[in-house]
Amino acid sequence: MGTDNYPMPRVHCGAHTRTGVSCRQPAMLNGRCRLHGGKSKSGVEHGRYRTGEYTKEAVAFRSEMRELLRITKQMIAKS
């Protein structure tokens, strides 16, 4: 199939494969194909997400609670 009849210009990934040739998959907006530079999933969409214990929000919340506990213990010790 020639590129002359294709309605849109073909943009290929261009990343080098293990065999040393350029990848011929269609490129996304970032210039790479889904295999060589696609958007990575995060949060609930990610396949390894289980409980949310290590999300940024949960880690920040635990840090704030530790700080409050430390301040509270200092106040109790002073009185």
C-alpha atoms as a PDB file:
ATOM      1  CA  MET A   1       0.000   0.000   0.000  1.00  0.00           C
ATOM      2  CA  GLY A   2       1.581   3.243  -1.094  1.00  0.00           C
ATOM      3  CA  THR A   3       1.494   6.421   0.945  1.00  0.00           C
ATOM      4  CA  ASP A   4       0.141   8.434  -1.997  1.00  0.00           C
ATOM      5  CA  ASN A   5      -3.448   7.285  -1.519  1.00  0.00           C
ATOM      6  CA  TYR A   6      -3.470   7.503   2.269  1.00  0.00           C
ATOM      7  CA  PRO A   7      -5.607  10.473   3.383  1.00  0.00           C
ATOM      8  CA  MET A   8      -3.291  11.546   6.226  1.00  0.00           C
ATOM      9  CA  PRO A   9       0.489  11.777   6.274  1.00  0.00           C
ATOM     10  CA  ARG A  10       1.971   8.814   8.090  1.00  0.00           C
ATOM     11  CA  VAL A  11       4.065   9.638  11.102  1.00  0.00           C
ATOM     12  CA  HIS A  12       6.036   6.713  12.443  1.00  0.00           C
ATOM     13  CA  CYS A  13       7.511   6.259  15.890  1.00  0.00           C
ATOM     14  CA  GLY A  14      11.142   6.289  14.842  1.00  0.00           C
ATOM     15  CA  ALA A  15      12.493   4.667  18.001  1.00  0.00           C
ATOM     16  CA  HIS A  16      15.184   2.081  17.408  1.00  0.00           C
ATOM     17  CA  THR A  17      14.092  -1.482  18.029  1.00  0.00           C
ATOM     18  CA  ARG A  18      16.293  -4.276  19.347  1.00  0.00           C
ATOM     19  CA  THR A  19      17.136  -5.274  15.800  1.00  0.00           C
ATOM     20  CA  GLY A  20      18.463  -1.776  15.109  1.00  0.00           C
ATOM     21  CA  VAL A  21      15.828  -0.662  12.635  1.00  0.00           C
ATOM     22  CA  SER A  22      13.341   2.128  13.226  1.00  0.00           C
ATOM     23  CA  CYS A  23       9.970   1.270  14.715  1.00  0.00           C
ATOM     24  CA  ARG A  24       7.220   1.423  12.109  1.00  0.00           C
ATOM     25  CA  GLN A  25       4.258   1.787  14.469  1.00  0.00           C
ATOM     26  CA  PRO A  26       2.126   4.935  14.093  1.00  0.00           C
ATOM     27  CA  ALA A  27       3.252   7.732  16.395  1.00  0.00           C
ATOM     28  CA  MET A  28       1.112   9.481  18.988  1.00  0.00           C
ATOM     29  CA  LEU A  29       1.204  13.237  19.633  1.00  0.00           C
ATOM     30  CA  ASN A  30       4.450  12.918  21.608  1.00  0.00           C
ATOM     31  CA  GLY A  31       6.196  11.426  18.572  1.00  0.00           C
ATOM     32  CA  ARG A  32       6.517   7.867  19.851  1.00  0.00           C
ATOM     33  CA  CYS A  33       4.247   4.834  19.575  1.00  0.00           C
ATOM     34  CA  ARG A  34       2.315   3.281  22.440  1.00  0.00           C
ATOM     35  CA  LEU A  35       5.147   0.818  23.051  1.00  0.00           C
ATOM     36  CA  HIS A  36       8.046   3.280  23.046  1.00  0.00           C
ATOM     37  CA  GLY A  37       6.700   6.242  24.935  1.00  0.00           C
ATOM     38  CA  GLY A  38       3.048   6.031  25.692  1.00  0.00           C
ATOM     39  CA  LYS A  39       1.434   7.673  28.657  1.00  0.00           C
ATOM     40  CA  SER A  40       1.950   5.634  31.801  1.00  0.00           C
ATOM     41  CA  LYS A  41      -1.026   4.905  33.997  1.00  0.00           C
ATOM     42  CA  SER A  42      -1.220   6.002  37.608  1.00  0.00           C
ATOM     43  CA  GLY A  43      -3.601   5.632  40.496  1.00  0.00           C
ATOM     44  CA  VAL A  44      -6.623   3.401  40.195  1.00  0.00           C
ATOM     45  CA  GLU A  45      -6.034   2.900  36.460  1.00  0.00           C
ATOM     46  CA  HIS A  46      -2.657   1.261  37.112  1.00  0.00           C
ATOM     47  CA  GLY A  47      -2.793  -2.537  37.296  1.00  0.00           C
ATOM     48  CA  ARG A  48      -0.791  -2.738  40.546  1.00  0.00           C
ATOM     49  CA  TYR A  49      -3.004  -0.310  42.521  1.00  0.00           C
ATOM     50  CA  ARG A  50      -4.422  -2.069  45.564  1.00  0.00           C
ATOM     51  CA  THR A  51      -5.233  -0.009  48.649  1.00  0.00           C
ATOM     52  CA  GLY A  52      -3.990   3.517  48.020  1.00  0.00           C
ATOM     53  CA  GLU A  53      -1.743   3.329  51.080  1.00  0.00           C
ATOM     54  CA  TYR A  54       1.215   4.865  49.245  1.00  0.00           C
ATOM     55  CA  THR A  55      -0.533   7.585  47.252  1.00  0.00           C
ATOM     56  CA  LYS A  56       0.819  11.128  47.602  1.00  0.00           C
ATOM     57  CA  GLU A  57      -2.240  12.174  49.584  1.00  0.00           C
ATOM     58  CA  ALA A  58      -2.009   9.266  52.020  1.00  0.00           C
ATOM     59  CA  VAL A  59       1.719   9.778  52.616  1.00  0.00           C
ATOM     60  CA  ALA A  60       1.208  13.525  53.201  1.00  0.00           C
ATOM     61  CA  PHE A  61      -1.680  12.846  55.591  1.00  0.00           C
ATOM     62  CA  ARG A  62       0.396  10.414  57.674  1.00  0.00           C
ATOM     63  CA  SER A  63       3.246  12.910  57.771  1.00  0.00           C
ATOM     64  CA  GLU A  64       0.928  15.635  59.081  1.00  0.00           C
ATOM     65  CA  MET A  65      -0.493  13.285  61.704  1.00  0.00           C
ATOM     66  CA  ARG A  66       3.001  12.354  62.928  1.00  0.00           C
ATOM     67  CA  GLU A  67       3.875  16.030  63.242  1.00  0.00           C
ATOM     68  CA  LEU A  68       0.696  16.759  65.218  1.00  0.00           C
ATOM     69  CA  LEU A  69       1.373  13.787  67.487  1.00  0.00           C
ATOM     70  CA  ARG A  70       4.937  14.983  68.105  1.00  0.00           C
ATOM     71  CA  ILE A  71       3.724  18.502  68.996  1.00  0.00           C
ATOM     72  CA  THR A  72       1.030  17.088  71.273  1.00  0.00           C
ATOM     73  CA  LYS A  73       3.550  14.918  73.133  1.00  0.00           C
ATOM     74  CA  GLN A  74       5.809  17.954  73.630  1.00  0.00           C
ATOM     75  CA  MET A  75       2.923  19.980  75.041  1.00  0.00           C
ATOM     76  CA  ILE A  76       1.970  17.188  77.446  1.00  0.00           C
ATOM     77  CA  ALA A  77       5.572  16.811  78.611  1.00  0.00           C
ATOM     78  CA  LYS A  78       5.844  20.554  79.368  1.00  0.00           C
ATOM     79  CA  SER A  79       2.744  20.621  81.588  1.00  0.00           C
END
